[in-house]
Amino acid sequence: MSKNNGKNEIYENQFPQPAKKQTISEMIYDPSNGAIFGRTSKSWGQLLLFYSIFYIVLAILFTICMQGMLSTVDNHQPKWQLDQSLIGTNPGLGFRPLSEQTERGSVIGFDIKKPAESDYWIELIDDFLKDYNHTEGRQMKHCDFKQTHNPNDVCVVNIESFGPCSSANSYGYKTAEPCIFLKLNKIFGWMPEVYESPINEMPSNLVNVINNTAAEERQQIWVSCNGHLGKDKENFQNISYYPRQGFPIYYYPYLNQPGYLSPIVAVQIKSPPLGTMLDVECRAWAKNIIYSGSLRDRMGSVTFQLLID
């Protein structure tokens, strides 16, 4: 019998024994070995020490990488500029008002008999011009073409020179003569090369404007708006530009000057056709602004649609 008992003991040691069932209280704290949630205090201490060292080293490496990257960044100017940058040297032309509702696209549409619809566009323009209306605390000066311009100067954009395209006149939206505001995107260090005399590609009305402008005042990026398609050009005849038909050169270059505001041109479309969508294209004219009217890769111009009922 003793021999058989010895064999049984050998067999029991050779095969794994089922784990001892634990109560919930024993799983939280096992008094037999002092384990808390399955780990002894020594095991918990080793685990906490390992992860503390791991995350401290990780934080140090992250800090070293960030400091190395930030040491190459200038707070006042981008490292890569003009041709070396992703933005390039061809500024885009934008317009306002532009609806925040993406389904509207670039359509400016309203019914003059419904005040709420025109108020929607007026509020968008008010918001766009908010910085231009409140220039308190900005170091700005009134510039003109006869002054010697310092590149670091910040010139005032005088919204009082927009004529009927003013808040007091509801920007023309209450009288079905809406104003559209044009601006060029800012590119650090970009300086326009202006046309001081007309070229063949320019529309006749712009040619007349340039010819009738004094030589010293031709230092500007000219703009022109027209119907985009043939049918639109027939209905696009009576428009006005404020304060002038271009962006004066003394607003450039943009060098991240504190308080800088991009120049804007207000375009008022008078007597637009009612009940018919008018497709409008506006273009910026400078020797170093490349133009492409392609729907896919438009450059140097912008299009929008006007629909007034």
C-alpha atoms as a PDB file:
ATOM      1  CA  MET A   1       0.000   0.000   0.000  1.00  0.00           C
ATOM      2  CA  SER A   2       2.831   2.319   0.756  1.00  0.00           C
ATOM      3  CA  LYS A   3       4.219   1.741  -2.694  1.00  0.00           C
ATOM      4  CA  ASN A   4       0.975   2.733  -4.352  1.00  0.00           C
ATOM      5  CA  ASN A   5       0.715   5.837  -2.188  1.00  0.00           C
ATOM      6  CA  GLY A   6       4.144   6.920  -3.308  1.00  0.00           C
ATOM      7  CA  LYS A   7       3.171   6.531  -6.933  1.00  0.00           C
ATOM      8  CA  ASN A   8       0.042   8.596  -6.376  1.00  0.00           C
ATOM      9  CA  GLU A   9       2.103  11.402  -4.884  1.00  0.00           C
ATOM     10  CA  ILE A  10       4.377  11.361  -7.965  1.00  0.00           C
ATOM     11  CA  TYR A  11       1.385  11.515 -10.293  1.00  0.00           C
ATOM     12  CA  GLU A  12      -0.118  14.419  -8.383  1.00  0.00           C
ATOM     13  CA  ASN A  13       3.095  16.401  -8.700  1.00  0.00           C
ATOM     14  CA  GLN A  14       3.332  15.704 -12.426  1.00  0.00           C
ATOM     15  CA  PHE A  15      -0.109  17.135 -13.342  1.00  0.00           C
ATOM     16  CA  PRO A  16      -1.224  20.757 -12.676  1.00  0.00           C
ATOM     17  CA  GLN A  17      -3.638  21.164  -9.864  1.00  0.00           C
ATOM     18  CA  PRO A  18      -6.781  23.292 -10.286  1.00  0.00           C
ATOM     19  CA  ALA A  19      -6.474  26.824  -8.951  1.00  0.00           C
ATOM     20  CA  LYS A  20      -7.852  27.457  -5.562  1.00  0.00           C
ATOM     21  CA  LYS A  21     -11.135  29.307  -5.709  1.00  0.00           C
ATOM     22  CA  GLN A  22     -10.981  32.793  -4.238  1.00  0.00           C
ATOM     23  CA  THR A  23     -13.703  34.939  -2.836  1.00  0.00           C
ATOM     24  CA  ILE A  24     -14.105  38.544  -3.957  1.00  0.00           C
ATOM     25  CA  SER A  25     -12.534  39.791  -0.749  1.00  0.00           C
ATOM     26  CA  GLU A  26      -9.525  37.505  -1.289  1.00  0.00           C
ATOM     27  CA  MET A  27      -9.148  38.808  -4.862  1.00  0.00           C
ATOM     28  CA  ILE A  28      -8.914  42.314  -3.452  1.00  0.00           C
ATOM     29  CA  TYR A  29      -6.656  41.346  -0.583  1.00  0.00           C
ATOM     30  CA  ASP A  30      -5.167  37.900   0.010  1.00  0.00           C
ATOM     31  CA  PRO A  31      -4.070  37.623   3.654  1.00  0.00           C
ATOM     32  CA  SER A  32      -2.028  34.465   2.950  1.00  0.00           C
ATOM     33  CA  ASN A  33       0.648  36.391   1.015  1.00  0.00           C
ATOM     34  CA  GLY A  34      -0.425  40.025   1.478  1.00  0.00           C
ATOM     35  CA  ALA A  35      -1.284  40.442  -2.252  1.00  0.00           C
ATOM     36  CA  ILE A  36      -3.505  43.300  -3.324  1.00  0.00           C
ATOM     37  CA  PHE A  37      -5.329  42.643  -6.608  1.00  0.00           C
ATOM     38  CA  GLY A  38      -2.997  39.730  -7.280  1.00  0.00           C
ATOM     39  CA  ARG A  39       0.272  41.581  -6.642  1.00  0.00           C
ATOM     40  CA  THR A  40       2.353  41.916  -3.552  1.00  0.00           C
ATOM     41  CA  SER A  41       3.461  45.347  -2.359  1.00  0.00           C
ATOM     42  CA  LYS A  42       6.948  44.626  -3.700  1.00  0.00           C
ATOM     43  CA  SER A  43       5.537  43.746  -7.131  1.00  0.00           C
ATOM     44  CA  TRP A  44       3.388  46.895  -7.184  1.00  0.00           C
ATOM     45  CA  GLY A  45       6.399  48.999  -6.228  1.00  0.00           C
ATOM     46  CA  GLN A  46       8.544  47.521  -9.017  1.00  0.00           C
ATOM     47  CA  LEU A  47       5.758  48.126 -11.556  1.00  0.00           C
ATOM     48  CA  LEU A  48       5.246  51.754 -10.515  1.00  0.00           C
ATOM     49  CA  LEU A  49       9.002  52.374 -10.536  1.00  0.00           C
ATOM     50  CA  PHE A  50       9.335  50.953 -14.060  1.00  0.00           C
ATOM     51  CA  TYR A  51       6.515  53.061 -15.536  1.00  0.00           C
ATOM     52  CA  SER A  52       7.660  56.190 -13.703  1.00  0.00           C
ATOM     53  CA  ILE A  53      11.135  55.884 -15.214  1.00  0.00           C
ATOM     54  CA  PHE A  54       9.661  54.991 -18.633  1.00  0.00           C
ATOM     55  CA  TYR A  55       7.384  58.054 -18.817  1.00  0.00           C
ATOM     56  CA  ILE A  56      10.042  60.403 -17.426  1.00  0.00           C
ATOM     57  CA  VAL A  57      12.474  59.303 -20.148  1.00  0.00           C
ATOM     58  CA  LEU A  58       9.692  59.607 -22.752  1.00  0.00           C
ATOM     59  CA  ALA A  59       8.875  63.161 -21.569  1.00  0.00           C
ATOM     60  CA  ILE A  60      12.557  64.145 -21.702  1.00  0.00           C
ATOM     61  CA  LEU A  61      12.921  62.836 -25.268  1.00  0.00           C
ATOM     62  CA  PHE A  62       9.727  64.637 -26.324  1.00  0.00           C
ATOM     63  CA  THR A  63      10.962  67.896 -24.753  1.00  0.00           C
ATOM     64  CA  ILE A  64      14.332  67.619 -26.502  1.00  0.00           C
ATOM     65  CA  CYS A  65      12.612  67.038 -29.879  1.00  0.00           C
ATOM     66  CA  MET A  66      10.199  69.952 -29.397  1.00  0.00           C
ATOM     67  CA  GLN A  67      12.959  72.328 -28.311  1.00  0.00           C
ATOM     68  CA  GLY A  68      15.047  71.300 -31.295  1.00  0.00           C
ATOM     69  CA  MET A  69      12.147  71.933 -33.673  1.00  0.00           C
ATOM     70  CA  LEU A  70      11.094  75.224 -32.069  1.00  0.00           C
ATOM     71  CA  SER A  71      14.670  76.521 -32.207  1.00  0.00           C
ATOM     72  CA  THR A  72      14.348  76.540 -36.007  1.00  0.00           C
ATOM     73  CA  VAL A  73      11.035  78.468 -35.975  1.00  0.00           C
ATOM     74  CA  ASP A  74      10.959  82.266 -36.139  1.00  0.00           C
ATOM     75  CA  ASN A  75       8.017  83.932 -34.401  1.00  0.00           C
ATOM     76  CA  HIS A  76       7.998  86.799 -36.900  1.00  0.00           C
ATOM     77  CA  GLN A  77       8.600  85.191 -40.274  1.00  0.00           C
ATOM     78  CA  PRO A  78       8.237  81.748 -41.863  1.00  0.00           C
ATOM     79  CA  LYS A  79      11.354  79.703 -42.502  1.00  0.00           C
ATOM     80  CA  TRP A  80      10.332  78.877 -46.063  1.00  0.00           C
ATOM     81  CA  GLN A  81       9.197  81.872 -48.100  1.00  0.00           C
ATOM     82  CA  LEU A  82       7.933  82.643 -51.596  1.00  0.00           C
ATOM     83  CA  ASP A  83       9.243  80.056 -54.095  1.00  0.00           C
ATOM     84  CA  GLN A  84      10.520  77.828 -51.308  1.00  0.00           C
ATOM     85  CA  SER A  85       7.160  77.709 -49.535  1.00  0.00           C
ATOM     86  CA  LEU A  86       4.101  75.566 -50.228  1.00  0.00           C
ATOM     87  CA  ILE A  87       2.004  78.729 -50.715  1.00  0.00           C
ATOM     88  CA  GLY A  88       4.218  79.929 -53.561  1.00  0.00           C
ATOM     89  CA  THR A  89       4.245  83.396 -55.089  1.00  0.00           C
ATOM     90  CA  ASN A  90       0.831  83.587 -56.728  1.00  0.00           C
ATOM     91  CA  PRO A  91      -1.729  85.148 -54.343  1.00  0.00           C
ATOM     92  CA  GLY A  92      -5.322  84.043 -54.604  1.00  0.00           C
ATOM     93  CA  LEU A  93      -8.186  86.494 -54.978  1.00  0.00           C
ATOM     94  CA  GLY A  94     -11.100  86.147 -52.580  1.00  0.00           C
ATOM     95  CA  PHE A  95     -14.486  87.798 -52.140  1.00  0.00           C
ATOM     96  CA  ARG A  96     -16.940  88.620 -49.370  1.00  0.00           C
ATOM     97  CA  PRO A  97     -19.693  88.071 -48.378  1.00  0.00           C
ATOM     98  CA  LEU A  98     -19.232  84.312 -48.445  1.00  0.00           C
ATOM     99  CA  SER A  99     -21.879  82.178 -46.792  1.00  0.00           C
ATOM    100  CA  GLU A 100     -20.891  79.811 -43.997  1.00  0.00           C
ATOM    101  CA  GLN A 101     -23.521  77.405 -45.319  1.00  0.00           C
ATOM    102  CA  THR A 102     -21.535  75.205 -47.696  1.00  0.00           C
ATOM    103  CA  GLU A 103     -24.623  74.205 -49.670  1.00  0.00           C
ATOM    104  CA  ARG A 104     -24.906  77.803 -50.900  1.00  0.00           C
ATOM    105  CA  GLY A 105     -21.475  77.583 -52.515  1.00  0.00           C
ATOM    106  CA  SER A 106     -20.419  80.884 -54.056  1.00  0.00           C
ATOM    107  CA  VAL A 107     -23.995  82.042 -54.745  1.00  0.00           C
ATOM    108  CA  ILE A 108     -25.135  85.368 -53.299  1.00  0.00           C
ATOM    109  CA  GLY A 109     -28.893  85.176 -53.539  1.00  0.00           C
ATOM    110  CA  PHE A 110     -31.719  87.083 -51.890  1.00  0.00           C
ATOM    111  CA  ASP A 111     -35.227  88.408 -52.432  1.00  0.00           C
ATOM    112  CA  ILE A 112     -35.401  92.198 -52.028  1.00  0.00           C
ATOM    113  CA  LYS A 113     -39.008  91.834 -50.838  1.00  0.00           C
ATOM    114  CA  LYS A 114     -37.815  89.703 -47.896  1.00  0.00           C
ATOM    115  CA  PRO A 115     -35.693  91.852 -45.545  1.00  0.00           C
ATOM    116  CA  ALA A 116     -34.412  88.842 -43.598  1.00  0.00           C
ATOM    117  CA  GLU A 117     -32.643  87.479 -46.679  1.00  0.00           C
ATOM    118  CA  SER A 118     -30.736  90.683 -47.419  1.00  0.00           C
ATOM    119  CA  ASP A 119     -30.011  91.125 -43.693  1.00  0.00           C
ATOM    120  CA  TYR A 120     -28.203  87.781 -43.760  1.00  0.00           C
ATOM    121  CA  TRP A 121     -25.632  89.082 -46.254  1.00  0.00           C
ATOM    122  CA  ILE A 122     -25.361  92.463 -44.531  1.00  0.00           C
ATOM    123  CA  GLU A 123     -24.457  90.752 -41.258  1.00  0.00           C
ATOM    124  CA  LEU A 124     -21.759  88.700 -42.992  1.00  0.00           C
ATOM    125  CA  ILE A 125     -20.187  91.877 -44.388  1.00  0.00           C
ATOM    126  CA  ASP A 126     -20.410  93.601 -40.993  1.00  0.00           C
ATOM    127  CA  ASP A 127     -18.515  90.692 -39.484  1.00  0.00           C
ATOM    128  CA  PHE A 128     -15.897  90.783 -42.262  1.00  0.00           C
ATOM    129  CA  LEU A 129     -15.308  94.517 -41.788  1.00  0.00           C
ATOM    130  CA  LYS A 130     -15.221  94.340 -37.989  1.00  0.00           C
ATOM    131  CA  ASP A 131     -11.415  94.610 -37.817  1.00  0.00           C
ATOM    132  CA  TYR A 132     -11.437  97.448 -40.332  1.00  0.00           C
ATOM    133  CA  ASN A 133     -13.947  99.368 -38.213  1.00  0.00           C
ATOM    134  CA  HIS A 134     -12.066  98.910 -34.951  1.00  0.00           C
ATOM    135  CA  THR A 135      -8.427  99.912 -35.334  1.00  0.00           C
ATOM    136  CA  GLU A 136      -7.936 101.298 -31.835  1.00  0.00           C
ATOM    137  CA  GLY A 137      -4.478 100.561 -30.468  1.00  0.00           C
ATOM    138  CA  ARG A 138      -2.993  99.768 -33.872  1.00  0.00           C
ATOM    139  CA  GLN A 139       0.018 101.757 -35.042  1.00  0.00           C
ATOM    140  CA  MET A 140      -1.219 102.749 -38.497  1.00  0.00           C
ATOM    141  CA  LYS A 141      -0.764 105.689 -40.802  1.00  0.00           C
ATOM    142  CA  HIS A 142      -2.628 107.186 -43.727  1.00  0.00           C
ATOM    143  CA  CYS A 143      -0.614 106.397 -46.839  1.00  0.00           C
ATOM    144  CA  ASP A 144      -0.739 107.781 -50.367  1.00  0.00           C
ATOM    145  CA  PHE A 145       1.244 107.404 -53.574  1.00  0.00           C
ATOM    146  CA  LYS A 146       3.297 110.548 -52.992  1.00  0.00           C
ATOM    147  CA  GLN A 147       4.756 109.404 -49.671  1.00  0.00           C
ATOM    148  CA  THR A 148       7.998 107.522 -49.149  1.00  0.00           C
ATOM    149  CA  HIS A 149       6.888 104.135 -47.941  1.00  0.00           C
ATOM    150  CA  ASN A 150       8.694 102.141 -45.264  1.00  0.00           C
ATOM    151  CA  PRO A 151       8.092  98.387 -45.734  1.00  0.00           C
ATOM    152  CA  ASN A 152       7.292  98.039 -42.019  1.00  0.00           C
ATOM    153  CA  ASP A 153       4.592 100.729 -42.138  1.00  0.00           C
ATOM    154  CA  VAL A 154       0.991  99.639 -41.615  1.00  0.00           C
ATOM    155  CA  CYS A 155      -1.340 101.652 -43.810  1.00  0.00           C
ATOM    156  CA  VAL A 156      -4.932 102.414 -42.873  1.00  0.00           C
ATOM    157  CA  VAL A 157      -7.727 100.885 -44.951  1.00  0.00           C
ATOM    158  CA  ASN A 158     -10.231 103.728 -44.902  1.00  0.00           C
ATOM    159  CA  ILE A 159     -13.689 102.181 -45.138  1.00  0.00           C
ATOM    160  CA  GLU A 160     -15.230 105.652 -45.275  1.00  0.00           C
ATOM    161  CA  SER A 161     -13.926 105.868 -48.843  1.00  0.00           C
ATOM    162  CA  PHE A 162     -16.188 103.034 -50.009  1.00  0.00           C
ATOM    163  CA  GLY A 163     -18.924 105.454 -51.068  1.00  0.00           C
ATOM    164  CA  PRO A 164     -22.319 103.730 -51.285  1.00  0.00           C
ATOM    165  CA  CYS A 165     -20.733 100.437 -50.163  1.00  0.00           C
ATOM    166  CA  SER A 166     -21.138 101.421 -46.535  1.00  0.00           C
ATOM    167  CA  SER A 167     -22.997 100.042 -43.551  1.00  0.00           C
ATOM    168  CA  ALA A 168     -25.242 103.121 -43.515  1.00  0.00           C
ATOM    169  CA  ASN A 169     -26.349 102.221 -47.044  1.00  0.00           C
ATOM    170  CA  SER A 170     -26.709  98.504 -46.174  1.00  0.00           C
ATOM    171  CA  TYR A 171     -23.947  97.863 -48.729  1.00  0.00           C
ATOM    172  CA  GLY A 172     -26.566  98.271 -51.440  1.00  0.00           C
ATOM    173  CA  TYR A 173     -28.423  95.071 -50.548  1.00  0.00           C
ATOM    174  CA  LYS A 174     -31.662  96.879 -49.695  1.00  0.00           C
ATOM    175  CA  THR A 175     -31.745  98.599 -53.098  1.00  0.00           C
ATOM    176  CA  ALA A 176     -30.752  95.583 -55.238  1.00  0.00           C
ATOM    177  CA  GLU A 177     -27.338  97.149 -55.967  1.00  0.00           C
ATOM    178  CA  PRO A 178     -25.125  94.849 -53.893  1.00  0.00           C
ATOM    179  CA  CYS A 179     -21.469  95.459 -53.077  1.00  0.00           C
ATOM    180  CA  ILE A 180     -18.897  92.671 -53.219  1.00  0.00           C
ATOM    181  CA  PHE A 181     -15.574  93.079 -51.414  1.00  0.00           C
ATOM    182  CA  LEU A 182     -12.375  91.753 -52.996  1.00  0.00           C
ATOM    183  CA  LYS A 183      -9.092  91.009 -51.249  1.00  0.00           C
ATOM    184  CA  LEU A 184      -5.835  89.244 -52.067  1.00  0.00           C
ATOM    185  CA  ASN A 185      -4.515  86.474 -49.863  1.00  0.00           C
ATOM    186  CA  LYS A 186      -1.481  87.458 -47.820  1.00  0.00           C
ATOM    187  CA  ILE A 187       1.912  86.029 -48.811  1.00  0.00           C
ATOM    188  CA  PHE A 188       4.860  86.905 -46.609  1.00  0.00           C
ATOM    189  CA  GLY A 189       7.435  89.034 -48.414  1.00  0.00           C
ATOM    190  CA  TRP A 190       5.570  89.107 -51.739  1.00  0.00           C
ATOM    191  CA  MET A 191       5.902  92.359 -53.681  1.00  0.00           C
ATOM    192  CA  PRO A 192       3.680  93.024 -56.712  1.00  0.00           C
ATOM    193  CA  GLU A 193       5.100  93.976 -60.085  1.00  0.00           C
ATOM    194  CA  VAL A 194       2.478  96.382 -61.397  1.00  0.00           C
ATOM    195  CA  TYR A 195       1.320  97.301 -64.878  1.00  0.00           C
ATOM    196  CA  GLU A 196       1.989 100.999 -65.363  1.00  0.00           C
ATOM    197  CA  SER A 197       0.385 100.904 -68.811  1.00  0.00           C
ATOM    198  CA  PRO A 198      -2.409  98.765 -70.291  1.00  0.00           C
ATOM    199  CA  ILE A 199      -1.790  95.447 -72.033  1.00  0.00           C
ATOM    200  CA  ASN A 200      -3.821  93.833 -74.801  1.00  0.00           C
ATOM    201  CA  GLU A 201      -5.533  91.269 -72.557  1.00  0.00           C
ATOM    202  CA  MET A 202      -7.100  93.931 -70.334  1.00  0.00           C
ATOM    203  CA  PRO A 203     -10.794  94.797 -70.772  1.00  0.00           C
ATOM    204  CA  SER A 204     -11.521  98.162 -72.375  1.00  0.00           C
ATOM    205  CA  ASN A 205     -12.959  99.740 -69.213  1.00  0.00           C
ATOM    206  CA  LEU A 206      -9.768  98.941 -67.283  1.00  0.00           C
ATOM    207  CA  VAL A 207      -7.650 100.299 -70.127  1.00  0.00           C
ATOM    208  CA  ASN A 208      -9.556 103.585 -69.886  1.00  0.00           C
ATOM    209  CA  VAL A 209      -9.090 103.703 -66.115  1.00  0.00           C
ATOM    210  CA  ILE A 210      -5.319 103.196 -66.379  1.00  0.00           C
ATOM    211  CA  ASN A 211      -4.963 105.769 -69.148  1.00  0.00           C
ATOM    212  CA  ASN A 212      -6.899 108.312 -67.087  1.00  0.00           C
ATOM    213  CA  THR A 213      -4.881 107.673 -63.920  1.00  0.00           C
ATOM    214  CA  ALA A 214      -1.905 109.842 -63.044  1.00  0.00           C
ATOM    215  CA  ALA A 215       1.462 108.144 -63.532  1.00  0.00           C
ATOM    216  CA  GLU A 216       2.363 108.069 -59.828  1.00  0.00           C
ATOM    217  CA  GLU A 217      -1.011 106.522 -58.962  1.00  0.00           C
ATOM    218  CA  ARG A 218      -0.601 103.618 -61.372  1.00  0.00           C
ATOM    219  CA  GLN A 219       1.395 101.787 -58.711  1.00  0.00           C
ATOM    220  CA  GLN A 220      -1.372  99.336 -57.877  1.00  0.00           C
ATOM    221  CA  ILE A 221      -2.624  95.844 -58.558  1.00  0.00           C
ATOM    222  CA  TRP A 222      -5.522  96.449 -60.927  1.00  0.00           C
ATOM    223  CA  VAL A 223      -8.788  94.538 -60.648  1.00  0.00           C
ATOM    224  CA  SER A 224     -11.575  94.039 -63.133  1.00  0.00           C
ATOM    225  CA  CYS A 225     -14.928  92.262 -62.949  1.00  0.00           C
ATOM    226  CA  ASN A 226     -17.050  91.070 -65.813  1.00  0.00           C
ATOM    227  CA  GLY A 227     -19.643  88.502 -66.734  1.00  0.00           C
ATOM    228  CA  HIS A 228     -18.018  85.088 -66.770  1.00  0.00           C
ATOM    229  CA  LEU A 229     -19.874  83.752 -69.795  1.00  0.00           C
ATOM    230  CA  GLY A 230     -21.188  85.434 -72.934  1.00  0.00           C
ATOM    231  CA  LYS A 231     -24.772  85.667 -71.667  1.00  0.00           C
ATOM    232  CA  ASP A 232     -23.519  87.177 -68.405  1.00  0.00           C
ATOM    233  CA  LYS A 233     -21.452  89.854 -70.158  1.00  0.00           C
ATOM    234  CA  GLU A 234     -24.581  91.122 -71.881  1.00  0.00           C
ATOM    235  CA  ASN A 235     -26.178  91.825 -68.479  1.00  0.00           C
ATOM    236  CA  PHE A 236     -23.012  93.103 -66.836  1.00  0.00           C
ATOM    237  CA  GLN A 237     -22.555  96.726 -67.743  1.00  0.00           C
ATOM    238  CA  ASN A 238     -22.960  99.168 -64.874  1.00  0.00           C
ATOM    239  CA  ILE A 239     -20.455  98.582 -62.047  1.00  0.00           C
ATOM    240  CA  SER A 240     -18.352 100.829 -59.811  1.00  0.00           C
ATOM    241  CA  TYR A 241     -15.175 100.276 -57.764  1.00  0.00           C
ATOM    242  CA  TYR A 242     -14.402 101.914 -54.413  1.00  0.00           C
ATOM    243  CA  PRO A 243     -12.164 103.575 -53.385  1.00  0.00           C
ATOM    244  CA  ARG A 244     -10.309 102.780 -56.639  1.00  0.00           C
ATOM    245  CA  GLN A 245     -10.001  99.953 -59.137  1.00  0.00           C
ATOM    246  CA  GLY A 246      -6.984  98.330 -57.554  1.00  0.00           C
ATOM    247  CA  PHE A 247      -4.874  97.545 -54.491  1.00  0.00           C
ATOM    248  CA  PRO A 248      -2.217 100.267 -53.953  1.00  0.00           C
ATOM    249  CA  ILE A 249       1.361  99.056 -53.816  1.00  0.00           C
ATOM    250  CA  TYR A 250       2.063 100.837 -50.522  1.00  0.00           C
ATOM    251  CA  TYR A 251       0.190  98.062 -48.676  1.00  0.00           C
ATOM    252  CA  TYR A 252       2.961  95.655 -49.702  1.00  0.00           C
ATOM    253  CA  PRO A 253       4.989  93.712 -48.811  1.00  0.00           C
ATOM    254  CA  TYR A 254       3.230  91.905 -45.982  1.00  0.00           C
ATOM    255  CA  LEU A 255       5.872  91.267 -43.297  1.00  0.00           C
ATOM    256  CA  ASN A 256       3.633  90.166 -40.425  1.00  0.00           C
ATOM    257  CA  GLN A 257       3.477  93.753 -39.179  1.00  0.00           C
ATOM    258  CA  PRO A 258       1.400  94.103 -35.985  1.00  0.00           C
ATOM    259  CA  GLY A 259      -2.052  95.438 -36.859  1.00  0.00           C
ATOM    260  CA  TYR A 260      -1.700  94.790 -40.614  1.00  0.00           C
ATOM    261  CA  LEU A 261      -4.960  94.689 -42.589  1.00  0.00           C
ATOM    262  CA  SER A 262      -5.175  93.568 -46.207  1.00  0.00           C
ATOM    263  CA  PRO A 263      -6.420  96.220 -48.647  1.00  0.00           C
ATOM    264  CA  ILE A 264      -9.888  95.648 -50.067  1.00  0.00           C
ATOM    265  CA  VAL A 265     -11.804  96.876 -53.099  1.00  0.00           C
ATOM    266  CA  ALA A 266     -15.574  97.253 -53.010  1.00  0.00           C
ATOM    267  CA  VAL A 267     -17.323  96.411 -56.277  1.00  0.00           C
ATOM    268  CA  GLN A 268     -20.907  97.625 -56.621  1.00  0.00           C
ATOM    269  CA  ILE A 269     -23.024  95.929 -59.243  1.00  0.00           C
ATOM    270  CA  LYS A 270     -25.720  98.338 -60.314  1.00  0.00           C
ATOM    271  CA  SER A 271     -28.936  97.328 -62.086  1.00  0.00           C
ATOM    272  CA  PRO A 272     -28.285  93.563 -62.092  1.00  0.00           C
ATOM    273  CA  PRO A 273     -30.896  91.468 -63.886  1.00  0.00           C
ATOM    274  CA  LEU A 274     -33.681  90.347 -61.551  1.00  0.00           C
ATOM    275  CA  GLY A 275     -34.686  86.704 -61.457  1.00  0.00           C
ATOM    276  CA  THR A 276     -31.639  85.659 -63.473  1.00  0.00           C
ATOM    277  CA  MET A 277     -28.402  84.238 -62.109  1.00  0.00           C
ATOM    278  CA  LEU A 278     -25.421  86.385 -63.036  1.00  0.00           C
ATOM    279  CA  ASP A 279     -22.063  84.572 -63.122  1.00  0.00           C
ATOM    280  CA  VAL A 280     -19.290  87.059 -62.315  1.00  0.00           C
ATOM    281  CA  GLU A 281     -15.515  86.722 -62.661  1.00  0.00           C
ATOM    282  CA  CYS A 282     -13.129  89.171 -60.995  1.00  0.00           C
ATOM    283  CA  ARG A 283      -9.443  89.183 -61.858  1.00  0.00           C
ATOM    284  CA  ALA A 284      -6.306  90.712 -60.338  1.00  0.00           C
ATOM    285  CA  TRP A 285      -3.777  92.223 -62.740  1.00  0.00           C
ATOM    286  CA  ALA A 286      -0.041  92.271 -61.993  1.00  0.00           C
ATOM    287  CA  LYS A 287       3.017  91.017 -63.867  1.00  0.00           C
ATOM    288  CA  ASN A 288       3.719  88.401 -61.203  1.00  0.00           C
ATOM    289  CA  ILE A 289       0.123  87.209 -60.739  1.00  0.00           C
ATOM    290  CA  ILE A 290      -0.454  84.205 -62.978  1.00  0.00           C
ATOM    291  CA  TYR A 291      -3.965  83.952 -64.374  1.00  0.00           C
ATOM    292  CA  SER A 292      -5.834  80.765 -65.152  1.00  0.00           C
ATOM    293  CA  GLY A 293      -9.567  80.674 -65.747  1.00  0.00           C
ATOM    294  CA  SER A 294      -9.720  76.898 -65.455  1.00  0.00           C
ATOM    295  CA  LEU A 295     -12.583  75.657 -63.301  1.00  0.00           C
ATOM    296  CA  ARG A 296     -10.256  73.093 -61.730  1.00  0.00           C
ATOM    297  CA  ASP A 297      -7.080  75.152 -61.262  1.00  0.00           C
ATOM    298  CA  ARG A 298      -8.262  78.760 -61.086  1.00  0.00           C
ATOM    299  CA  MET A 299      -5.500  81.273 -60.352  1.00  0.00           C
ATOM    300  CA  GLY A 300      -5.421  85.051 -60.094  1.00  0.00           C
ATOM    301  CA  SER A 301      -9.203  85.365 -60.203  1.00  0.00           C
ATOM    302  CA  VAL A 302     -12.402  84.409 -58.437  1.00  0.00           C
ATOM    303  CA  THR A 303     -15.947  83.700 -59.561  1.00  0.00           C
ATOM    304  CA  PHE A 304     -19.264  84.086 -57.775  1.00  0.00           C
ATOM    305  CA  GLN A 305     -22.920  84.009 -58.709  1.00  0.00           C
ATOM    306  CA  LEU A 306     -25.478  86.712 -58.036  1.00  0.00           C
ATOM    307  CA  LEU A 307     -29.198  85.948 -57.956  1.00  0.00           C
ATOM    308  CA  ILE A 308     -31.669  88.670 -56.970  1.00  0.00           C
ATOM    309  CA  ASP A 309     -35.428  88.163 -57.032  1.00  0.00           C
END
